[in-house]
Amino acid sequence: MQVLVRDNNIDQALRVLKKKMQREGIFREMRARRAFEKPSEKRNREEAESIRRHRKLARKKMQREGLLPAPKKAARPR
């Protein structure tokens, strides 16, 4: 992974790097590899992730069809 540093702005480069790592799932993988995960725990985690994914897809589908209101966007402070 590579990040360009412009005008010696290290803070911006670090933010970009962290965002890229987050998107790639590196932080999640580091946390998972920190300790051994028993097969039963892995199975339970994967099943819970699957359920979460399916619920999210169903929620988005219902929003597209107009059965649920769209989520409100947070107002950004200025």
PDB file of N, CA and C in Angstrom:
ATOM      1  N   MET A   1       0.846  -1.169   0.000  1.00  0.00           N
ATOM      2  CA  MET A   1       0.000   0.000   0.000  1.00  0.00           C
ATOM      3  C   MET A   1       0.895   1.236   0.000  1.00  0.00           C
ATOM      4  N   GLN A   2       0.507   2.231  -0.764  1.00  0.00           N
ATOM      5  CA  GLN A   2       1.368   3.388  -0.927  1.00  0.00           C
ATOM      6  C   GLN A   2       0.546   4.665  -0.796  1.00  0.00           C
ATOM      7  N   VAL A   3       1.113   5.639  -0.085  1.00  0.00           N
ATOM      8  CA  VAL A   3       0.462   6.933   0.093  1.00  0.00           C
ATOM      9  C   VAL A   3       1.478   8.012  -0.229  1.00  0.00           C
ATOM     10  N   LEU A   4       1.065   8.977  -1.026  1.00  0.00           N
ATOM     11  CA  LEU A   4       1.959  10.079  -1.370  1.00  0.00           C
ATOM     12  C   LEU A   4       1.872  11.176  -0.315  1.00  0.00           C
ATOM     13  N   VAL A   5       3.016  11.707   0.092  1.00  0.00           N
ATOM     14  CA  VAL A   5       3.056  12.809   1.049  1.00  0.00           C
ATOM     15  C   VAL A   5       3.268  14.085   0.237  1.00  0.00           C
ATOM     16  N   ARG A   6       2.297  14.998   0.344  1.00  0.00           N
ATOM     17  CA  ARG A   6       2.383  16.247  -0.420  1.00  0.00           C
ATOM     18  C   ARG A   6       2.722  17.391   0.522  1.00  0.00           C
ATOM     19  N   ASP A   7       3.640  18.213   0.131  1.00  0.00           N
ATOM     20  CA  ASP A   7       4.044  19.412   0.891  1.00  0.00           C
ATOM     21  C   ASP A   7       4.413  19.078   2.336  1.00  0.00           C
ATOM     22  N   ASN A   8       5.070  17.941   2.533  1.00  0.00           N
ATOM     23  CA  ASN A   8       5.482  17.495   3.876  1.00  0.00           C
ATOM     24  C   ASN A   8       4.323  17.456   4.861  1.00  0.00           C
ATOM     25  N   ASN A   9       3.133  17.181   4.374  1.00  0.00           N
ATOM     26  CA  ASN A   9       1.950  17.120   5.227  1.00  0.00           C
ATOM     27  C   ASN A   9       1.754  15.672   5.686  1.00  0.00           C
ATOM     28  N   ILE A  10       2.408  15.325   6.782  1.00  0.00           N
ATOM     29  CA  ILE A  10       2.372  13.962   7.308  1.00  0.00           C
ATOM     30  C   ILE A  10       0.987  13.620   7.853  1.00  0.00           C
ATOM     31  N   ASP A  11       0.329  14.593   8.496  1.00  0.00           N
ATOM     32  CA  ASP A  11      -0.982  14.329   9.096  1.00  0.00           C
ATOM     33  C   ASP A  11      -1.991  13.891   8.038  1.00  0.00           C
ATOM     34  N   GLN A  12      -2.005  14.579   6.910  1.00  0.00           N
ATOM     35  CA  GLN A  12      -2.937  14.218   5.844  1.00  0.00           C
ATOM     36  C   GLN A  12      -2.592  12.838   5.282  1.00  0.00           C
ATOM     37  N   ALA A  13      -1.300  12.559   5.114  1.00  0.00           N
ATOM     38  CA  ALA A  13      -0.883  11.263   4.587  1.00  0.00           C
ATOM     39  C   ALA A  13      -1.287  10.136   5.541  1.00  0.00           C
ATOM     40  N   LEU A  14      -1.155  10.358   6.853  1.00  0.00           N
ATOM     41  CA  LEU A  14      -1.569   9.344   7.825  1.00  0.00           C
ATOM     42  C   LEU A  14      -3.071   9.102   7.761  1.00  0.00           C
ATOM     43  N   ARG A  15      -3.854  10.174   7.626  1.00  0.00           N
ATOM     44  CA  ARG A  15      -5.312  10.020   7.526  1.00  0.00           C
ATOM     45  C   ARG A  15      -5.675   9.181   6.312  1.00  0.00           C
ATOM     46  N   VAL A  16      -5.009   9.476   5.183  1.00  0.00           N
ATOM     47  CA  VAL A  16      -5.282   8.737   3.947  1.00  0.00           C
ATOM     48  C   VAL A  16      -4.891   7.273   4.118  1.00  0.00           C
ATOM     49  N   LEU A  17      -3.738   7.032   4.739  1.00  0.00           N
ATOM     50  CA  LEU A  17      -3.279   5.660   4.955  1.00  0.00           C
ATOM     51  C   LEU A  17      -4.252   4.887   5.839  1.00  0.00           C
ATOM     52  N   LYS A  18      -4.692   5.495   6.929  1.00  0.00           N
ATOM     53  CA  LYS A  18      -5.633   4.825   7.834  1.00  0.00           C
ATOM     54  C   LYS A  18      -6.940   4.504   7.123  1.00  0.00           C
ATOM     55  N   LYS A  19      -7.398   5.444   6.292  1.00  0.00           N
ATOM     56  CA  LYS A  19      -8.651   5.218   5.571  1.00  0.00           C
ATOM     57  C   LYS A  19      -8.503   4.055   4.592  1.00  0.00           C
ATOM     58  N   LYS A  20      -7.352   3.990   3.901  1.00  0.00           N
ATOM     59  CA  LYS A  20      -7.110   2.886   2.965  1.00  0.00           C
ATOM     60  C   LYS A  20      -7.047   1.555   3.701  1.00  0.00           C
ATOM     61  N   MET A  21      -6.355   1.548   4.849  1.00  0.00           N
ATOM     62  CA  MET A  21      -6.235   0.319   5.630  1.00  0.00           C
ATOM     63  C   MET A  21      -7.603  -0.120   6.148  1.00  0.00           C
ATOM     64  N   GLN A  22      -8.425   0.830   6.549  1.00  0.00           N
ATOM     65  CA  GLN A  22      -9.771   0.512   7.031  1.00  0.00           C
ATOM     66  C   GLN A  22     -10.581  -0.126   5.910  1.00  0.00           C
ATOM     67  N   ARG A  23     -10.505   0.462   4.713  1.00  0.00           N
ATOM     68  CA  ARG A  23     -11.254  -0.052   3.575  1.00  0.00           C
ATOM     69  C   ARG A  23     -10.826  -1.464   3.199  1.00  0.00           C
ATOM     70  N   GLU A  24      -9.527  -1.742   3.307  1.00  0.00           N
ATOM     71  CA  GLU A  24      -9.000  -3.056   2.945  1.00  0.00           C
ATOM     72  C   GLU A  24      -9.282  -4.111   4.014  1.00  0.00           C
ATOM     73  N   GLY A  25      -9.668  -3.683   5.210  1.00  0.00           N
ATOM     74  CA  GLY A  25      -9.959  -4.648   6.275  1.00  0.00           C
ATOM     75  C   GLY A  25      -8.732  -5.106   7.032  1.00  0.00           C
ATOM     76  N   ILE A  26      -7.657  -4.328   6.972  1.00  0.00           N
ATOM     77  CA  ILE A  26      -6.413  -4.721   7.636  1.00  0.00           C
ATOM     78  C   ILE A  26      -6.559  -4.669   9.154  1.00  0.00           C
ATOM     79  N   PHE A  27      -7.257  -3.653   9.670  1.00  0.00           N
ATOM     80  CA  PHE A  27      -7.430  -3.544  11.120  1.00  0.00           C
ATOM     81  C   PHE A  27      -8.229  -4.725  11.657  1.00  0.00           C
ATOM     82  N   ARG A  28      -9.268  -5.116  10.933  1.00  0.00           N
ATOM     83  CA  ARG A  28     -10.093  -6.243  11.355  1.00  0.00           C
ATOM     84  C   ARG A  28      -9.270  -7.534  11.363  1.00  0.00           C
ATOM     85  N   GLU A  29      -8.453  -7.694  10.332  1.00  0.00           N
ATOM     86  CA  GLU A  29      -7.619  -8.892  10.244  1.00  0.00           C
ATOM     87  C   GLU A  29      -6.563  -8.922  11.347  1.00  0.00           C
ATOM     88  N   MET A  30      -5.984  -7.764  11.668  1.00  0.00           N
ATOM     89  CA  MET A  30      -4.991  -7.707  12.749  1.00  0.00           C
ATOM     90  C   MET A  30      -5.632  -8.109  14.069  1.00  0.00           C
ATOM     91  N   ARG A  31      -6.835  -7.630  14.325  1.00  0.00           N
ATOM     92  CA  ARG A  31      -7.526  -7.968  15.568  1.00  0.00           C
ATOM     93  C   ARG A  31      -7.839  -9.467  15.608  1.00  0.00           C
ATOM     94  N   ALA A  32      -8.220 -10.026  14.458  1.00  0.00           N
ATOM     95  CA  ALA A  32      -8.561 -11.447  14.409  1.00  0.00           C
ATOM     96  C   ALA A  32      -7.326 -12.325  14.625  1.00  0.00           C
ATOM     97  N   ARG A  33      -6.172 -11.882  14.149  1.00  0.00           N
ATOM     98  CA  ARG A  33      -4.958 -12.693  14.264  1.00  0.00           C
ATOM     99  C   ARG A  33      -4.231 -12.503  15.586  1.00  0.00           C
ATOM    100  N   ARG A  34      -4.712 -11.595  16.427  1.00  0.00           N
ATOM    101  CA  ARG A  34      -4.056 -11.310  17.695  1.00  0.00           C
ATOM    102  C   ARG A  34      -4.046 -12.543  18.601  1.00  0.00           C
ATOM    103  N   ALA A  35      -5.127 -13.312  18.574  1.00  0.00           N
ATOM    104  CA  ALA A  35      -5.216 -14.503  19.421  1.00  0.00           C
ATOM    105  C   ALA A  35      -5.916 -15.602  18.635  1.00  0.00           C
ATOM    106  N   PHE A  36      -5.723 -16.852  19.073  1.00  0.00           N
ATOM    107  CA  PHE A  36      -6.350 -17.987  18.408  1.00  0.00           C
ATOM    108  C   PHE A  36      -7.856 -17.930  18.591  1.00  0.00           C
ATOM    109  N   GLU A  37      -8.576 -18.242  17.525  1.00  0.00           N
ATOM    110  CA  GLU A  37     -10.026 -18.273  17.582  1.00  0.00           C
ATOM    111  C   GLU A  37     -10.478 -19.723  17.435  1.00  0.00           C
ATOM    112  N   LYS A  38     -11.200 -20.193  18.439  1.00  0.00           N
ATOM    113  CA  LYS A  38     -11.671 -21.575  18.403  1.00  0.00           C
ATOM    114  C   LYS A  38     -12.610 -21.762  17.220  1.00  0.00           C
ATOM    115  N   PRO A  39     -12.646 -22.964  16.636  1.00  0.00           N
ATOM    116  CA  PRO A  39     -13.529 -23.203  15.484  1.00  0.00           C
ATOM    117  C   PRO A  39     -14.994 -22.873  15.776  1.00  0.00           C
ATOM    118  N   SER A  40     -15.457 -23.178  17.009  1.00  0.00           N
ATOM    119  CA  SER A  40     -16.856 -22.882  17.341  1.00  0.00           C
ATOM    120  C   SER A  40     -17.085 -21.372  17.375  1.00  0.00           C
ATOM    121  N   GLU A  41     -16.111 -20.609  17.905  1.00  0.00           N
ATOM    122  CA  GLU A  41     -16.238 -19.154  17.934  1.00  0.00           C
ATOM    123  C   GLU A  41     -16.225 -18.590  16.518  1.00  0.00           C
ATOM    124  N   LYS A  42     -15.376 -19.153  15.669  1.00  0.00           N
ATOM    125  CA  LYS A  42     -15.300 -18.695  14.288  1.00  0.00           C
ATOM    126  C   LYS A  42     -16.625 -18.942  13.566  1.00  0.00           C
ATOM    127  N   ARG A  43     -17.197 -20.124  13.790  1.00  0.00           N
ATOM    128  CA  ARG A  43     -18.471 -20.470  13.162  1.00  0.00           C
ATOM    129  C   ARG A  43     -19.573 -19.514  13.640  1.00  0.00           C
ATOM    130  N   ASN A  44     -19.613 -19.245  14.935  1.00  0.00           N
ATOM    131  CA  ASN A  44     -20.623 -18.321  15.475  1.00  0.00           C
ATOM    132  C   ASN A  44     -20.441 -16.918  14.918  1.00  0.00           C
ATOM    133  N   ARG A  45     -19.192 -16.440  14.836  1.00  0.00           N
ATOM    134  CA  ARG A  45     -18.921 -15.095  14.324  1.00  0.00           C
ATOM    135  C   ARG A  45     -19.340 -14.984  12.865  1.00  0.00           C
ATOM    136  N   GLU A  46     -18.966 -15.985  12.055  1.00  0.00           N
ATOM    137  CA  GLU A  46     -19.299 -15.941  10.635  1.00  0.00           C
ATOM    138  C   GLU A  46     -20.806 -15.996  10.415  1.00  0.00           C
ATOM    139  N   GLU A  47     -21.508 -16.786  11.240  1.00  0.00           N
ATOM    140  CA  GLU A  47     -22.961 -16.855  11.111  1.00  0.00           C
ATOM    141  C   GLU A  47     -23.593 -15.504  11.477  1.00  0.00           C
ATOM    142  N   ALA A  48     -23.083 -14.880  12.540  1.00  0.00           N
ATOM    143  CA  ALA A  48     -23.604 -13.576  12.941  1.00  0.00           C
ATOM    144  C   ALA A  48     -23.337 -12.534  11.857  1.00  0.00           C
ATOM    145  N   GLU A  49     -22.162 -12.575  11.235  1.00  0.00           N
ATOM    146  CA  GLU A  49     -21.848 -11.642  10.148  1.00  0.00           C
ATOM    147  C   GLU A  49     -22.788 -11.848   8.972  1.00  0.00           C
ATOM    148  N   SER A  50     -23.083 -13.109   8.674  1.00  0.00           N
ATOM    149  CA  SER A  50     -23.975 -13.422   7.569  1.00  0.00           C
ATOM    150  C   SER A  50     -25.378 -12.875   7.834  1.00  0.00           C
ATOM    151  N   ILE A  51     -25.867 -13.074   9.063  1.00  0.00           N
ATOM    152  CA  ILE A  51     -27.190 -12.569   9.429  1.00  0.00           C
ATOM    153  C   ILE A  51     -27.221 -11.053   9.310  1.00  0.00           C
ATOM    154  N   ARG A  52     -26.157 -10.395   9.811  1.00  0.00           N
ATOM    155  CA  ARG A  52     -26.077  -8.941   9.746  1.00  0.00           C
ATOM    156  C   ARG A  52     -26.107  -8.460   8.298  1.00  0.00           C
ATOM    157  N   ARG A  53     -25.345  -9.147   7.428  1.00  0.00           N
ATOM    158  CA  ARG A  53     -25.303  -8.784   6.012  1.00  0.00           C
ATOM    159  C   ARG A  53     -26.682  -8.907   5.364  1.00  0.00           C
ATOM    160  N   HIS A  54     -27.368 -10.030   5.639  1.00  0.00           N
ATOM    161  CA  HIS A  54     -28.679 -10.249   5.031  1.00  0.00           C
ATOM    162  C   HIS A  54     -29.699  -9.226   5.517  1.00  0.00           C
ATOM    163  N   ARG A  55     -29.658  -8.888   6.808  1.00  0.00           N
ATOM    164  CA  ARG A  55     -30.584  -7.883   7.334  1.00  0.00           C
ATOM    165  C   ARG A  55     -30.329  -6.520   6.698  1.00  0.00           C
ATOM    166  N   LYS A  56     -29.046  -6.194   6.503  1.00  0.00           N
ATOM    167  CA  LYS A  56     -28.706  -4.910   5.893  1.00  0.00           C
ATOM    168  C   LYS A  56     -29.211  -4.857   4.449  1.00  0.00           C
ATOM    169  N   LEU A  57     -29.017  -5.954   3.701  1.00  0.00           N
ATOM    170  CA  LEU A  57     -29.502  -5.998   2.319  1.00  0.00           C
ATOM    171  C   LEU A  57     -31.023  -5.878   2.264  1.00  0.00           C
ATOM    172  N   ALA A  58     -31.721  -6.571   3.183  1.00  0.00           N
ATOM    173  CA  ALA A  58     -33.179  -6.514   3.211  1.00  0.00           C
ATOM    174  C   ALA A  58     -33.649  -5.097   3.543  1.00  0.00           C
ATOM    175  N   ARG A  59     -32.961  -4.447   4.503  1.00  0.00           N
ATOM    176  CA  ARG A  59     -33.321  -3.088   4.883  1.00  0.00           C
ATOM    177  C   ARG A  59     -33.141  -2.136   3.696  1.00  0.00           C
ATOM    178  N   LYS A  60     -32.021  -2.266   2.975  1.00  0.00           N
ATOM    179  CA  LYS A  60     -31.772  -1.399   1.818  1.00  0.00           C
ATOM    180  C   LYS A  60     -32.804  -1.637   0.717  1.00  0.00           C
ATOM    181  N   LYS A  61     -33.179  -2.915   0.525  1.00  0.00           N
ATOM    182  CA  LYS A  61     -34.172  -3.244  -0.493  1.00  0.00           C
ATOM    183  C   LYS A  61     -35.517  -2.610  -0.145  1.00  0.00           C
ATOM    184  N   MET A  62     -35.912  -2.684   1.137  1.00  0.00           N
ATOM    185  CA  MET A  62     -37.176  -2.098   1.564  1.00  0.00           C
ATOM    186  C   MET A  62     -37.151  -0.575   1.413  1.00  0.00           C
ATOM    187  N   GLN A  63     -35.991   0.042   1.651  1.00  0.00           N
ATOM    188  CA  GLN A  63     -35.881   1.486   1.480  1.00  0.00           C
ATOM    189  C   GLN A  63     -36.030   1.865   0.010  1.00  0.00           C
ATOM    190  N   ARG A  64     -35.424   1.062  -0.867  1.00  0.00           N
ATOM    191  CA  ARG A  64     -35.540   1.344  -2.301  1.00  0.00           C
ATOM    192  C   ARG A  64     -36.985   1.226  -2.771  1.00  0.00           C
ATOM    193  N   GLU A  65     -37.710   0.251  -2.198  1.00  0.00           N
ATOM    194  CA  GLU A  65     -39.098   0.040  -2.604  1.00  0.00           C
ATOM    195  C   GLU A  65     -40.059   1.008  -1.930  1.00  0.00           C
ATOM    196  N   GLY A  66     -39.551   1.819  -1.000  1.00  0.00           N
ATOM    197  CA  GLY A  66     -40.377   2.818  -0.354  1.00  0.00           C
ATOM    198  C   GLY A  66     -41.141   2.314   0.851  1.00  0.00           C
ATOM    199  N   LEU A  67     -40.833   1.106   1.319  1.00  0.00           N
ATOM    200  CA  LEU A  67     -41.529   0.558   2.486  1.00  0.00           C
ATOM    201  C   LEU A  67     -40.949   1.078   3.798  1.00  0.00           C
ATOM    202  N   LEU A  68     -39.711   1.541   3.750  1.00  0.00           N
ATOM    203  CA  LEU A  68     -39.057   2.134   4.916  1.00  0.00           C
ATOM    204  C   LEU A  68     -38.549   3.510   4.532  1.00  0.00           C
ATOM    205  N   PRO A  69     -38.576   4.460   5.464  1.00  0.00           N
ATOM    206  CA  PRO A  69     -38.016   5.775   5.142  1.00  0.00           C
ATOM    207  C   PRO A  69     -36.496   5.685   5.011  1.00  0.00           C
ATOM    208  N   ALA A  70     -35.953   6.500   4.144  1.00  0.00           N
ATOM    209  CA  ALA A  70     -34.499   6.533   3.956  1.00  0.00           C
ATOM    210  C   ALA A  70     -33.842   7.091   5.210  1.00  0.00           C
ATOM    211  N   PRO A  71     -32.629   6.652   5.519  1.00  0.00           N
ATOM    212  CA  PRO A  71     -31.955   7.169   6.717  1.00  0.00           C
ATOM    213  C   PRO A  71     -31.670   8.662   6.567  1.00  0.00           C
ATOM    214  N   LYS A  72     -31.807   9.376   7.679  1.00  0.00           N
ATOM    215  CA  LYS A  72     -31.558  10.813   7.651  1.00  0.00           C
ATOM    216  C   LYS A  72     -30.059  11.062   7.684  1.00  0.00           C
ATOM    217  N   LYS A  73     -29.628  12.002   6.872  1.00  0.00           N
ATOM    218  CA  LYS A  73     -28.209  12.348   6.851  1.00  0.00           C
ATOM    219  C   LYS A  73     -27.915  13.299   7.999  1.00  0.00           C
ATOM    220  N   ALA A  74     -26.806  13.073   8.681  1.00  0.00           N
ATOM    221  CA  ALA A  74     -26.426  13.919   9.810  1.00  0.00           C
ATOM    222  C   ALA A  74     -26.010  15.289   9.293  1.00  0.00           C
ATOM    223  N   ALA A  75     -26.464  16.320   9.961  1.00  0.00           N
ATOM    224  CA  ALA A  75     -26.094  17.673   9.584  1.00  0.00           C
ATOM    225  C   ALA A  75     -24.657  17.924  10.011  1.00  0.00           C
ATOM    226  N   ARG A  76     -23.854  18.432   9.118  1.00  0.00           N
ATOM    227  CA  ARG A  76     -22.449  18.703   9.428  1.00  0.00           C
ATOM    228  C   ARG A  76     -22.321  20.070  10.073  1.00  0.00           C
ATOM    229  N   PRO A  77     -21.671  20.141  11.219  1.00  0.00           N
ATOM    230  CA  PRO A  77     -21.457  21.462  11.839  1.00  0.00           C
ATOM    231  C   PRO A  77     -20.450  22.267  11.026  1.00  0.00           C
ATOM    232  N   ARG A  78     -20.657  23.556  10.984  1.00  0.00           N
ATOM    233  CA  ARG A  78     -19.761  24.422  10.192  1.00  0.00           C
ATOM    234  C   ARG A  78     -18.976  25.323  11.071  1.00  0.00           C
TER     235      ARG A  78
END
